[in-house]
N, C-alpha and C. Protein backbone atom coordinates (compact mmCIF):
# COMPACT_ATOMS: atom_id res chain seq x y z
N MET A 1 84.24 30.48 42.94
CA MET A 1 83.20 29.99 42.03
C MET A 1 83.75 28.83 41.22
N PHE A 2 83.00 27.76 41.16
CA PHE A 2 83.45 26.53 40.50
C PHE A 2 82.94 26.50 39.06
N GLU A 3 83.82 26.14 38.12
CA GLU A 3 83.43 26.08 36.71
C GLU A 3 83.51 24.65 36.20
N LEU A 4 82.46 24.26 35.46
CA LEU A 4 82.42 22.94 34.84
C LEU A 4 82.79 23.06 33.38
N ASN A 5 83.87 22.45 32.98
CA ASN A 5 84.29 22.52 31.59
C ASN A 5 83.62 21.47 30.72
N ASP A 6 83.12 20.40 31.35
CA ASP A 6 82.50 19.31 30.61
C ASP A 6 81.16 18.99 31.25
N ILE A 7 80.06 19.15 30.50
CA ILE A 7 78.73 18.90 31.07
C ILE A 7 78.05 17.69 30.44
N LYS A 8 78.79 16.89 29.70
CA LYS A 8 78.16 15.76 29.00
C LYS A 8 77.61 14.71 29.96
N ASN A 9 78.13 14.65 31.18
CA ASN A 9 77.63 13.70 32.17
C ASN A 9 76.75 14.38 33.22
N CYS A 10 76.29 15.58 32.91
CA CYS A 10 75.47 16.35 33.86
C CYS A 10 74.01 16.37 33.40
N VAL A 11 73.12 16.61 34.35
CA VAL A 11 71.71 16.79 34.05
C VAL A 11 71.22 18.02 34.82
N THR A 12 70.12 18.60 34.36
CA THR A 12 69.48 19.71 35.07
C THR A 12 68.33 19.14 35.88
N ILE A 13 68.38 19.32 37.19
CA ILE A 13 67.37 18.71 38.06
C ILE A 13 66.32 19.70 38.55
N GLY A 14 66.57 20.98 38.38
CA GLY A 14 65.62 22.00 38.85
C GLY A 14 66.25 23.36 38.74
N GLY A 15 65.77 24.27 39.59
CA GLY A 15 66.28 25.63 39.52
C GLY A 15 66.00 26.40 40.79
N VAL A 16 66.55 27.59 40.84
CA VAL A 16 66.35 28.50 41.97
C VAL A 16 65.69 29.77 41.44
N GLY A 17 64.53 30.08 42.00
CA GLY A 17 63.75 31.23 41.58
C GLY A 17 62.30 31.02 41.92
N SER A 18 61.50 32.02 41.66
CA SER A 18 60.07 31.97 41.97
C SER A 18 59.31 31.36 40.79
N VAL A 19 58.57 30.29 41.06
CA VAL A 19 57.83 29.62 40.00
C VAL A 19 56.59 30.42 39.62
N ASP A 20 55.79 30.78 40.60
CA ASP A 20 54.55 31.52 40.36
C ASP A 20 54.65 32.90 40.99
N GLY A 21 54.06 33.86 40.35
CA GLY A 21 54.10 35.23 40.86
C GLY A 21 53.30 36.13 39.94
N PRO A 22 53.26 37.42 40.24
CA PRO A 22 52.43 38.34 39.45
C PRO A 22 53.01 38.72 38.09
N SER A 23 54.32 38.56 37.92
CA SER A 23 54.95 38.98 36.67
C SER A 23 54.65 37.99 35.54
N PRO A 24 54.44 38.49 34.33
CA PRO A 24 54.14 37.58 33.22
C PRO A 24 55.32 36.70 32.79
N PHE A 25 56.54 37.14 33.09
CA PHE A 25 57.73 36.39 32.68
C PHE A 25 58.77 36.47 33.77
N ALA A 26 59.52 35.38 33.94
CA ALA A 26 60.58 35.37 34.95
C ALA A 26 61.68 34.41 34.54
N TRP A 27 62.88 34.67 35.05
CA TRP A 27 64.02 33.78 34.88
C TRP A 27 64.22 32.97 36.15
N ALA A 28 64.86 31.81 36.02
CA ALA A 28 65.34 31.05 37.17
C ALA A 28 66.67 30.42 36.81
N LYS A 29 67.56 30.35 37.78
CA LYS A 29 68.89 29.77 37.54
C LYS A 29 68.81 28.25 37.63
N PRO A 30 69.43 27.54 36.70
CA PRO A 30 69.38 26.08 36.74
C PRO A 30 70.32 25.48 37.79
N VAL A 31 69.93 24.32 38.28
CA VAL A 31 70.77 23.54 39.18
C VAL A 31 71.16 22.25 38.45
N LEU A 32 72.46 22.04 38.31
CA LEU A 32 72.98 20.87 37.62
C LEU A 32 73.44 19.82 38.62
N GLN A 33 73.27 18.56 38.23
CA GLN A 33 73.82 17.45 39.00
C GLN A 33 74.79 16.70 38.12
N CYS A 34 76.02 16.60 38.59
CA CYS A 34 77.09 15.92 37.86
C CYS A 34 77.70 14.91 38.82
N GLY A 35 77.23 13.67 38.75
CA GLY A 35 77.66 12.69 39.74
C GLY A 35 77.17 13.09 41.11
N ASN A 36 78.09 13.26 42.05
CA ASN A 36 77.74 13.68 43.40
C ASN A 36 77.78 15.19 43.59
N THR A 37 78.08 15.90 42.51
CA THR A 37 78.22 17.36 42.58
C THR A 37 76.92 18.05 42.17
N LEU A 38 76.50 19.02 42.97
CA LEU A 38 75.38 19.89 42.62
C LEU A 38 75.93 21.29 42.39
N LEU A 39 75.46 21.93 41.33
CA LEU A 39 75.96 23.26 40.98
C LEU A 39 74.80 24.20 40.67
N LEU A 40 74.73 25.29 41.43
CA LEU A 40 73.79 26.36 41.12
C LEU A 40 74.51 27.32 40.17
N VAL A 41 74.04 27.40 38.93
CA VAL A 41 74.73 28.17 37.90
C VAL A 41 74.45 29.66 38.06
N HIS A 42 75.51 30.45 38.09
CA HIS A 42 75.39 31.91 38.18
C HIS A 42 75.77 32.60 36.88
N ARG A 43 76.69 31.99 36.13
CA ARG A 43 77.15 32.63 34.89
C ARG A 43 77.74 31.56 33.98
N TYR A 44 78.09 31.99 32.77
CA TYR A 44 78.69 31.08 31.79
C TYR A 44 79.94 31.71 31.20
N SER A 45 80.90 30.87 30.87
CA SER A 45 82.11 31.34 30.21
C SER A 45 81.77 31.68 28.76
N PRO A 46 82.68 32.34 28.05
CA PRO A 46 82.41 32.68 26.64
C PRO A 46 82.05 31.47 25.77
N ASP A 47 82.53 30.28 26.12
CA ASP A 47 82.19 29.10 25.33
C ASP A 47 81.00 28.34 25.90
N GLY A 48 80.30 28.95 26.89
CA GLY A 48 79.06 28.36 27.40
C GLY A 48 79.20 27.43 28.58
N ALA A 49 80.40 27.31 29.14
CA ALA A 49 80.60 26.43 30.30
C ALA A 49 80.00 27.08 31.55
N PRO A 50 79.25 26.32 32.35
CA PRO A 50 78.61 26.89 33.54
C PRO A 50 79.58 27.08 34.70
N ALA A 51 79.34 28.12 35.48
CA ALA A 51 80.11 28.37 36.70
C ALA A 51 79.15 28.82 37.77
N GLY A 52 79.41 28.38 39.00
CA GLY A 52 78.51 28.75 40.09
C GLY A 52 78.94 28.17 41.41
N ASP A 53 77.96 27.99 42.30
CA ASP A 53 78.22 27.51 43.66
C ASP A 53 77.96 26.02 43.76
N GLN A 54 78.94 25.31 44.28
CA GLN A 54 78.75 23.90 44.59
C GLN A 54 78.10 23.76 45.96
N PHE A 55 77.25 22.76 46.12
CA PHE A 55 76.71 22.48 47.44
C PHE A 55 76.33 21.02 47.54
N LEU A 56 76.10 20.58 48.77
CA LEU A 56 75.78 19.19 49.04
C LEU A 56 74.28 18.96 48.99
N GLU A 57 73.89 17.70 48.96
CA GLU A 57 72.48 17.33 48.89
C GLU A 57 71.67 17.94 50.02
N GLY A 58 72.24 17.99 51.22
CA GLY A 58 71.52 18.55 52.36
C GLY A 58 71.19 20.01 52.18
N LYS A 59 72.12 20.77 51.64
CA LYS A 59 71.89 22.19 51.37
C LYS A 59 70.80 22.36 50.33
N TRP A 60 70.82 21.53 49.31
CA TRP A 60 69.80 21.60 48.26
C TRP A 60 68.42 21.32 48.85
N ARG A 61 68.32 20.33 49.72
CA ARG A 61 67.03 20.03 50.36
C ARG A 61 66.56 21.20 51.21
N GLN A 62 67.51 21.87 51.84
CA GLN A 62 67.15 23.04 52.65
C GLN A 62 66.59 24.16 51.78
N ILE A 63 67.24 24.40 50.64
CA ILE A 63 66.76 25.44 49.72
C ILE A 63 65.37 25.09 49.20
N LEU A 64 65.17 23.82 48.88
CA LEU A 64 63.86 23.38 48.42
C LEU A 64 62.80 23.59 49.51
N GLY A 65 63.19 23.30 50.74
CA GLY A 65 62.26 23.46 51.86
C GLY A 65 61.90 24.90 52.11
N ASP A 66 62.80 25.81 51.78
CA ASP A 66 62.53 27.25 51.97
C ASP A 66 61.55 27.79 50.92
N GLY A 67 61.30 27.02 49.89
CA GLY A 67 60.39 27.47 48.84
C GLY A 67 61.03 28.37 47.80
N SER A 68 62.35 28.51 47.85
CA SER A 68 63.04 29.38 46.90
C SER A 68 63.63 28.60 45.73
N ALA A 69 63.33 27.31 45.65
CA ALA A 69 63.85 26.47 44.58
C ALA A 69 62.80 25.42 44.21
N PHE A 70 63.05 24.70 43.13
CA PHE A 70 62.08 23.71 42.67
C PHE A 70 62.82 22.58 41.96
N LEU A 71 62.19 21.42 41.95
CA LEU A 71 62.67 20.25 41.22
C LEU A 71 61.82 20.05 39.97
N PHE A 72 62.42 19.60 38.91
CA PHE A 72 61.66 19.17 37.75
C PHE A 72 61.01 17.83 38.04
N ILE A 73 59.86 17.56 37.43
CA ILE A 73 59.25 16.24 37.55
C ILE A 73 60.14 15.20 36.89
N GLU A 74 60.72 15.56 35.75
CA GLU A 74 61.69 14.69 35.08
C GLU A 74 62.95 15.50 34.81
N ILE A 75 64.09 14.91 35.06
CA ILE A 75 65.35 15.63 34.83
C ILE A 75 65.52 15.93 33.34
N ALA A 76 66.28 16.95 33.05
CA ALA A 76 66.52 17.36 31.66
C ALA A 76 68.03 17.40 31.42
N GLU A 77 68.41 17.43 30.17
CA GLU A 77 69.84 17.50 29.87
C GLU A 77 70.40 18.85 30.31
N ALA A 78 71.68 18.88 30.53
CA ALA A 78 72.36 20.14 30.85
C ALA A 78 72.70 20.85 29.55
N LEU A 79 72.44 22.15 29.51
CA LEU A 79 72.67 22.92 28.29
C LEU A 79 73.77 23.95 28.50
N HIS A 80 74.57 24.16 27.48
CA HIS A 80 75.47 25.31 27.49
C HIS A 80 74.62 26.59 27.46
N ASN A 81 75.02 27.57 28.24
CA ASN A 81 74.27 28.83 28.34
C ASN A 81 72.82 28.59 28.77
N GLY A 82 72.63 27.56 29.59
CA GLY A 82 71.28 27.19 29.99
C GLY A 82 70.65 28.17 30.98
N MET A 83 69.36 28.40 30.81
CA MET A 83 68.58 29.22 31.73
C MET A 83 67.14 28.72 31.69
N ILE A 84 66.43 28.92 32.79
CA ILE A 84 65.04 28.52 32.85
C ILE A 84 64.18 29.77 32.66
N TRP A 85 63.33 29.74 31.65
CA TRP A 85 62.39 30.82 31.38
C TRP A 85 61.00 30.36 31.77
N MET A 86 60.28 31.22 32.49
CA MET A 86 58.93 30.87 32.93
C MET A 86 57.91 31.87 32.39
N PHE A 87 56.95 31.34 31.68
CA PHE A 87 55.89 32.15 31.07
C PHE A 87 54.59 31.88 31.82
N ARG A 88 54.10 32.91 32.48
CA ARG A 88 52.89 32.78 33.27
C ARG A 88 51.66 33.13 32.43
N GLN A 89 50.49 32.84 32.97
CA GLN A 89 49.26 33.01 32.21
C GLN A 89 49.11 34.42 31.66
N SER A 90 49.53 35.42 32.42
CA SER A 90 49.38 36.80 31.97
C SER A 90 50.23 37.09 30.74
N PHE A 91 51.33 36.35 30.55
CA PHE A 91 52.13 36.53 29.33
C PHE A 91 51.29 36.17 28.11
N TYR A 92 50.61 35.05 28.17
CA TYR A 92 49.81 34.59 27.03
C TYR A 92 48.61 35.50 26.79
N GLN A 93 48.11 36.12 27.86
CA GLN A 93 47.02 37.08 27.69
C GLN A 93 47.50 38.34 26.98
N LEU A 94 48.73 38.76 27.28
CA LEU A 94 49.30 39.94 26.64
C LEU A 94 49.81 39.65 25.23
N MET A 95 50.25 38.42 24.99
CA MET A 95 50.83 38.05 23.70
C MET A 95 50.08 36.84 23.13
N PRO A 96 48.81 37.01 22.79
CA PRO A 96 47.98 35.85 22.42
C PRO A 96 48.41 35.14 21.15
N GLY A 97 49.13 35.80 20.27
CA GLY A 97 49.51 35.16 19.02
C GLY A 97 50.84 34.44 19.07
N VAL A 98 51.49 34.42 20.22
CA VAL A 98 52.83 33.84 20.34
C VAL A 98 52.76 32.37 20.72
N ASP A 99 53.36 31.52 19.90
CA ASP A 99 53.47 30.09 20.21
C ASP A 99 54.85 29.87 20.83
N VAL A 100 54.92 30.03 22.15
CA VAL A 100 56.21 29.98 22.84
C VAL A 100 56.90 28.64 22.64
N ALA A 101 56.16 27.56 22.84
CA ALA A 101 56.77 26.22 22.76
C ALA A 101 57.37 25.96 21.39
N ASN A 102 56.65 26.32 20.33
CA ASN A 102 57.14 26.08 18.97
C ASN A 102 58.36 26.95 18.66
N LYS A 103 58.32 28.22 19.10
CA LYS A 103 59.44 29.12 18.85
C LYS A 103 60.71 28.62 19.53
N LEU A 104 60.58 28.26 20.81
CA LEU A 104 61.77 27.85 21.56
C LEU A 104 62.28 26.48 21.13
N ALA A 105 61.38 25.63 20.65
CA ALA A 105 61.81 24.30 20.18
C ALA A 105 62.77 24.43 19.00
N LYS A 106 62.64 25.49 18.22
CA LYS A 106 63.53 25.70 17.08
C LYS A 106 64.96 25.99 17.54
N HIS A 107 65.11 26.40 18.80
CA HIS A 107 66.44 26.65 19.37
C HIS A 107 66.78 25.59 20.43
N ASN A 108 66.17 24.40 20.29
CA ASN A 108 66.42 23.27 21.19
C ASN A 108 65.96 23.55 22.62
N GLY A 109 64.97 24.43 22.78
CA GLY A 109 64.39 24.66 24.09
C GLY A 109 63.60 23.44 24.55
N ILE A 110 63.68 23.15 25.83
CA ILE A 110 63.03 21.97 26.40
C ILE A 110 61.96 22.41 27.38
N GLN A 111 60.70 22.02 27.15
CA GLN A 111 59.67 22.34 28.12
C GLN A 111 59.80 21.38 29.30
N VAL A 112 59.81 21.93 30.50
CA VAL A 112 59.99 21.12 31.71
C VAL A 112 58.78 21.33 32.62
N GLU A 113 58.49 20.30 33.39
CA GLU A 113 57.34 20.34 34.30
C GLU A 113 57.82 20.52 35.73
N ILE A 114 57.13 21.41 36.44
CA ILE A 114 57.43 21.69 37.84
C ILE A 114 56.19 21.39 38.66
N PRO A 115 56.29 20.58 39.69
CA PRO A 115 55.09 20.22 40.47
C PRO A 115 54.34 21.44 41.00
N GLY A 116 53.04 21.47 40.74
CA GLY A 116 52.20 22.52 41.28
C GLY A 116 52.30 23.87 40.60
N ALA A 117 53.13 23.99 39.56
CA ALA A 117 53.33 25.29 38.90
C ALA A 117 52.24 25.54 37.88
N THR A 118 51.79 26.78 37.80
CA THR A 118 50.86 27.18 36.75
C THR A 118 51.60 27.78 35.56
N ALA A 119 52.84 28.19 35.76
CA ALA A 119 53.64 28.76 34.67
C ALA A 119 54.13 27.65 33.75
N ASN A 120 54.33 27.99 32.48
CA ASN A 120 54.99 27.10 31.54
C ASN A 120 56.49 27.38 31.61
N ALA A 121 57.26 26.37 31.92
CA ALA A 121 58.69 26.55 32.10
C ALA A 121 59.47 25.86 30.98
N PHE A 122 60.55 26.52 30.55
CA PHE A 122 61.38 26.00 29.48
C PHE A 122 62.85 26.14 29.88
N LEU A 123 63.60 25.10 29.63
CA LEU A 123 65.05 25.14 29.77
C LEU A 123 65.60 25.47 28.40
N VAL A 124 66.30 26.60 28.29
CA VAL A 124 66.75 27.07 26.98
C VAL A 124 68.25 27.35 26.99
N ASN A 125 68.83 27.27 25.82
CA ASN A 125 70.16 27.84 25.60
C ASN A 125 69.92 29.33 25.35
N GLU A 126 70.18 30.15 26.35
CA GLU A 126 69.80 31.55 26.28
C GLU A 126 70.49 32.29 25.13
N LYS A 127 71.67 31.86 24.79
CA LYS A 127 72.40 32.52 23.70
C LYS A 127 71.68 32.31 22.37
N LEU A 128 71.12 31.11 22.17
CA LEU A 128 70.41 30.81 20.94
C LEU A 128 69.01 31.41 20.92
N ALA A 129 68.33 31.37 22.06
CA ALA A 129 66.93 31.79 22.13
C ALA A 129 66.76 33.29 22.35
N GLN A 130 67.86 34.01 22.52
CA GLN A 130 67.78 35.44 22.81
C GLN A 130 67.05 36.21 21.71
N THR A 131 67.13 35.72 20.48
CA THR A 131 66.46 36.42 19.38
C THR A 131 64.95 36.43 19.59
N ASP A 132 64.40 35.34 20.12
CA ASP A 132 62.96 35.28 20.40
C ASP A 132 62.58 36.28 21.48
N LEU A 133 63.39 36.32 22.53
CA LEU A 133 63.11 37.24 23.63
C LEU A 133 63.17 38.69 23.14
N GLU A 134 64.14 38.99 22.30
CA GLU A 134 64.27 40.33 21.77
C GLU A 134 63.07 40.70 20.89
N GLU A 135 62.59 39.76 20.11
CA GLU A 135 61.41 40.00 19.28
C GLU A 135 60.18 40.31 20.14
N TRP A 136 59.98 39.53 21.20
CA TRP A 136 58.82 39.75 22.07
C TRP A 136 58.97 41.06 22.84
N LYS A 137 60.18 41.38 23.20
CA LYS A 137 60.43 42.63 23.90
C LYS A 137 60.08 43.83 23.01
N GLN A 138 60.55 43.81 21.77
CA GLN A 138 60.28 44.92 20.85
C GLN A 138 58.79 45.04 20.55
N THR A 139 58.12 43.90 20.36
CA THR A 139 56.67 43.91 20.13
C THR A 139 55.93 44.52 21.31
N SER A 140 56.35 44.15 22.51
CA SER A 140 55.72 44.68 23.72
C SER A 140 55.91 46.18 23.83
N TYR A 141 57.13 46.64 23.52
CA TYR A 141 57.40 48.08 23.63
C TYR A 141 56.57 48.86 22.61
N ARG A 142 56.50 48.36 21.38
CA ARG A 142 55.70 49.06 20.36
C ARG A 142 54.23 49.15 20.78
N THR A 143 53.73 48.06 21.34
CA THR A 143 52.34 48.07 21.81
C THR A 143 52.15 49.08 22.93
N ALA A 144 53.11 49.13 23.84
CA ALA A 144 53.04 50.09 24.96
C ALA A 144 53.07 51.52 24.43
N TRP A 145 53.90 51.77 23.44
CA TRP A 145 54.03 53.12 22.89
C TRP A 145 52.74 53.56 22.18
N HIS A 146 52.18 52.67 21.37
CA HIS A 146 50.93 53.02 20.68
C HIS A 146 49.78 53.21 21.68
N ALA A 147 49.79 52.43 22.74
CA ALA A 147 48.76 52.61 23.77
C ALA A 147 48.92 53.97 24.46
N ALA A 148 50.17 54.40 24.65
CA ALA A 148 50.40 55.71 25.25
C ALA A 148 49.92 56.83 24.33
N ILE A 149 50.12 56.67 23.02
CA ILE A 149 49.64 57.65 22.07
C ILE A 149 48.11 57.77 22.17
N GLU A 150 47.46 56.63 22.38
CA GLU A 150 46.00 56.61 22.50
C GLU A 150 45.52 56.95 23.91
N ARG A 151 46.46 57.25 24.80
CA ARG A 151 46.17 57.60 26.20
C ARG A 151 45.52 56.43 26.96
N ASP A 152 45.78 55.22 26.50
CA ASP A 152 45.35 54.02 27.24
C ASP A 152 46.51 53.66 28.16
N TRP A 153 46.58 54.35 29.29
CA TRP A 153 47.75 54.24 30.16
C TRP A 153 47.87 52.89 30.84
N LEU A 154 46.76 52.26 31.13
CA LEU A 154 46.84 50.94 31.77
C LEU A 154 47.44 49.92 30.81
N ARG A 155 46.99 49.94 29.56
CA ARG A 155 47.55 49.04 28.56
C ARG A 155 49.03 49.37 28.31
N SER A 156 49.35 50.65 28.26
CA SER A 156 50.74 51.05 28.07
C SER A 156 51.60 50.56 29.22
N GLN A 157 51.11 50.70 30.43
CA GLN A 157 51.87 50.25 31.60
C GLN A 157 52.13 48.75 31.56
N ARG A 158 51.12 47.97 31.22
CA ARG A 158 51.25 46.50 31.22
C ARG A 158 52.27 46.03 30.18
N TYR A 159 52.22 46.64 28.99
CA TYR A 159 53.13 46.20 27.94
C TYR A 159 54.54 46.75 28.13
N ALA A 160 54.66 47.94 28.70
CA ALA A 160 55.99 48.46 29.01
C ALA A 160 56.64 47.60 30.09
N ASP A 161 55.84 47.16 31.06
CA ASP A 161 56.34 46.28 32.11
C ASP A 161 56.83 44.97 31.51
N LEU A 162 56.07 44.40 30.58
CA LEU A 162 56.49 43.15 29.94
C LEU A 162 57.77 43.35 29.16
N SER A 163 57.86 44.45 28.42
CA SER A 163 59.09 44.73 27.67
C SER A 163 60.29 44.81 28.60
N PHE A 164 60.09 45.45 29.73
CA PHE A 164 61.16 45.59 30.71
C PHE A 164 61.57 44.22 31.28
N LEU A 165 60.58 43.38 31.57
CA LEU A 165 60.86 42.07 32.16
C LEU A 165 61.59 41.15 31.18
N LEU A 166 61.36 41.34 29.90
CA LEU A 166 61.98 40.49 28.89
C LEU A 166 63.42 40.88 28.59
N THR A 167 63.91 41.89 29.30
CA THR A 167 65.28 42.37 29.12
C THR A 167 66.17 41.80 30.20
N SER A 168 67.32 41.29 29.81
CA SER A 168 68.29 40.82 30.78
C SER A 168 69.06 42.04 31.31
N GLY A 169 68.61 42.54 32.45
CA GLY A 169 69.17 43.77 32.99
C GLY A 169 68.11 44.86 32.99
N PHE A 170 68.49 46.06 33.32
CA PHE A 170 67.56 47.18 33.40
C PHE A 170 67.60 47.98 32.10
N ASP A 171 66.49 47.97 31.37
CA ASP A 171 66.38 48.71 30.12
C ASP A 171 65.77 50.08 30.42
N PRO A 172 66.52 51.18 30.25
CA PRO A 172 66.01 52.50 30.63
C PRO A 172 64.81 52.95 29.79
N ASP A 173 64.75 52.54 28.51
CA ASP A 173 63.65 52.97 27.65
C ASP A 173 62.33 52.34 28.09
N ALA A 174 62.32 51.03 28.29
CA ALA A 174 61.10 50.36 28.73
C ALA A 174 60.71 50.82 30.13
N PHE A 175 61.71 50.99 30.99
CA PHE A 175 61.43 51.42 32.36
C PHE A 175 60.85 52.84 32.36
N ALA A 176 61.37 53.72 31.51
CA ALA A 176 60.88 55.09 31.46
C ALA A 176 59.42 55.14 31.01
N LEU A 177 59.06 54.34 30.02
CA LEU A 177 57.68 54.33 29.55
C LEU A 177 56.76 53.73 30.62
N PHE A 178 57.22 52.70 31.29
CA PHE A 178 56.45 52.11 32.39
C PHE A 178 56.25 53.14 33.50
N TYR A 179 57.29 53.85 33.84
CA TYR A 179 57.22 54.86 34.89
C TYR A 179 56.26 55.99 34.52
N LEU A 180 56.35 56.43 33.27
CA LEU A 180 55.47 57.49 32.81
C LEU A 180 54.01 57.04 32.85
N ALA A 181 53.73 55.83 32.34
CA ALA A 181 52.36 55.33 32.34
C ALA A 181 51.83 55.18 33.76
N THR A 182 52.67 54.71 34.66
CA THR A 182 52.25 54.54 36.06
C THR A 182 51.91 55.89 36.68
N LYS A 183 52.72 56.91 36.39
CA LYS A 183 52.43 58.25 36.88
C LYS A 183 51.12 58.78 36.30
N GLN A 184 50.91 58.54 35.02
CA GLN A 184 49.70 59.04 34.37
C GLN A 184 48.45 58.33 34.90
N LEU A 185 48.62 57.13 35.42
CA LEU A 185 47.50 56.43 36.06
C LEU A 185 47.22 56.95 37.46
N GLY A 186 48.10 57.83 37.94
CA GLY A 186 47.92 58.42 39.26
C GLY A 186 48.50 57.59 40.39
N ASP A 187 49.23 56.52 40.04
CA ASP A 187 49.81 55.64 41.06
C ASP A 187 51.22 56.14 41.40
N VAL A 188 51.27 57.30 42.03
CA VAL A 188 52.56 57.93 42.33
C VAL A 188 53.38 57.08 43.29
N ARG A 189 52.72 56.46 44.23
CA ARG A 189 53.43 55.65 45.23
C ARG A 189 54.19 54.51 44.56
N ARG A 190 53.52 53.78 43.65
CA ARG A 190 54.20 52.68 42.99
C ARG A 190 55.31 53.18 42.09
N ALA A 191 55.05 54.27 41.37
CA ALA A 191 56.06 54.82 40.47
C ALA A 191 57.33 55.18 41.23
N ASN A 192 57.17 55.83 42.35
CA ASN A 192 58.33 56.22 43.15
C ASN A 192 59.02 55.02 43.78
N TRP A 193 58.24 54.02 44.17
CA TRP A 193 58.83 52.79 44.72
C TRP A 193 59.68 52.09 43.66
N GLU A 194 59.14 51.97 42.44
CA GLU A 194 59.89 51.33 41.34
C GLU A 194 61.17 52.11 41.05
N LEU A 195 61.09 53.42 41.12
CA LEU A 195 62.26 54.26 40.87
C LEU A 195 63.31 54.06 41.96
N ASP A 196 62.88 53.90 43.20
CA ASP A 196 63.81 53.65 44.29
C ASP A 196 64.51 52.30 44.12
N VAL A 197 63.75 51.29 43.68
CA VAL A 197 64.34 49.97 43.42
C VAL A 197 65.42 50.09 42.34
N ALA A 198 65.10 50.83 41.29
CA ALA A 198 66.07 51.02 40.21
C ALA A 198 67.31 51.77 40.70
N ARG A 199 67.10 52.74 41.57
CA ARG A 199 68.24 53.51 42.11
C ARG A 199 69.16 52.61 42.94
N ARG A 200 68.56 51.75 43.76
CA ARG A 200 69.37 50.85 44.59
C ARG A 200 70.10 49.80 43.74
N SER A 201 69.45 49.37 42.66
CA SER A 201 70.03 48.32 41.82
C SER A 201 71.05 48.84 40.82
N CYS A 202 70.77 50.02 40.24
CA CYS A 202 71.58 50.50 39.12
C CYS A 202 72.28 51.82 39.37
N GLY A 203 71.91 52.52 40.44
CA GLY A 203 72.60 53.76 40.76
C GLY A 203 71.86 55.01 40.29
N ALA A 204 72.33 56.14 40.78
CA ALA A 204 71.68 57.42 40.50
C ALA A 204 71.79 57.80 39.02
N GLY A 205 72.87 57.37 38.36
CA GLY A 205 73.03 57.70 36.95
C GLY A 205 71.95 57.07 36.08
N PHE A 206 71.59 55.83 36.40
CA PHE A 206 70.53 55.15 35.66
C PHE A 206 69.21 55.89 35.84
N VAL A 207 68.90 56.27 37.08
CA VAL A 207 67.65 56.97 37.37
C VAL A 207 67.60 58.32 36.65
N ALA A 208 68.72 59.03 36.65
CA ALA A 208 68.78 60.31 35.94
C ALA A 208 68.50 60.12 34.45
N ASN A 209 69.02 59.04 33.88
CA ASN A 209 68.78 58.74 32.47
C ASN A 209 67.31 58.42 32.22
N VAL A 210 66.71 57.65 33.13
CA VAL A 210 65.29 57.31 33.03
C VAL A 210 64.43 58.58 33.03
N LEU A 211 64.72 59.49 33.95
CA LEU A 211 63.94 60.73 34.04
C LEU A 211 64.13 61.60 32.80
N ARG A 212 65.34 61.56 32.24
CA ARG A 212 65.59 62.32 31.00
C ARG A 212 64.76 61.74 29.86
N ILE A 213 64.73 60.41 29.75
CA ILE A 213 63.94 59.76 28.70
C ILE A 213 62.45 60.03 28.93
N CYS A 214 62.02 60.04 30.19
CA CYS A 214 60.63 60.34 30.51
C CYS A 214 60.23 61.71 30.00
N ASP A 215 61.10 62.67 30.20
CA ASP A 215 60.82 64.03 29.72
C ASP A 215 60.68 64.04 28.19
N GLN A 216 61.54 63.29 27.52
CA GLN A 216 61.47 63.22 26.06
C GLN A 216 60.16 62.57 25.61
N LEU A 217 59.75 61.49 26.28
CA LEU A 217 58.51 60.82 25.95
C LEU A 217 57.31 61.73 26.19
N ARG A 218 57.36 62.44 27.30
CA ARG A 218 56.26 63.35 27.65
C ARG A 218 56.10 64.43 26.58
N GLN A 219 57.22 64.94 26.10
CA GLN A 219 57.18 65.97 25.07
C GLN A 219 56.63 65.41 23.75
N LYS A 220 57.07 64.20 23.38
CA LYS A 220 56.57 63.58 22.14
C LYS A 220 55.08 63.31 22.21
N LEU A 221 54.62 62.92 23.39
CA LEU A 221 53.21 62.57 23.56
C LEU A 221 52.33 63.79 23.84
N GLY A 222 52.96 64.91 24.13
CA GLY A 222 52.18 66.09 24.46
C GLY A 222 51.51 66.00 25.81
N VAL A 223 52.14 65.28 26.73
CA VAL A 223 51.62 65.15 28.09
C VAL A 223 52.07 66.39 28.87
N GLU A 224 51.11 67.14 29.33
CA GLU A 224 51.43 68.42 29.96
C GLU A 224 51.91 68.28 31.40
N SER A 225 51.36 67.31 32.12
CA SER A 225 51.64 67.23 33.56
C SER A 225 53.08 66.83 33.82
N GLU A 226 53.66 67.36 34.86
CA GLU A 226 55.02 67.02 35.28
C GLU A 226 55.03 65.61 35.84
N ILE A 227 56.01 64.81 35.46
CA ILE A 227 56.00 63.41 35.86
C ILE A 227 56.72 63.18 37.18
N ARG A 228 57.52 64.13 37.68
CA ARG A 228 58.30 63.85 38.88
C ARG A 228 57.44 64.05 40.12
């Protein structure tokens, strides 16, 4: 893995990830251009220096052709701890009072344009903007919990899903509430599929913890039916 210690002569030309999709929020990894070098960023050092895979222009064109990557309409500066956040229309429907652009601008977030995309995309310093993401995550979880108390399982499912998506990694609490709401909606097939994905990604220990939290939530809510 190649690490760039100096990004002052670099620009962000696009990213790798899905631009449009059913999820209200998504991440994409930035692609930097530094002279003749292209770098797909996978991680950052403690001081924010990017590290990732180097590749040639031909490889980049191939990735673009596969539809798994995108170019910005206008290049943007390279950021320490940079990440591309994409907010789709369903995010704004779920969080109507949130001014994403204004919030992220306070942390030097840059709105970027992607050809043909319906999502609003921002290049952010994730270390600085993480407080915003955490705030939206907590708001989403509280909304999901209150909806569960009111037995509005569809609303609970949607907001628990958003809370889960806004977490970098697998959050067992948000996932457990999402799983419980999905089961209560009678969508056993999807609930079990999501659980299998979590098992493959995080292991049996994570799933056991999720089921334990589910039992606790069920008891707090007074839900009589068995969730497994």
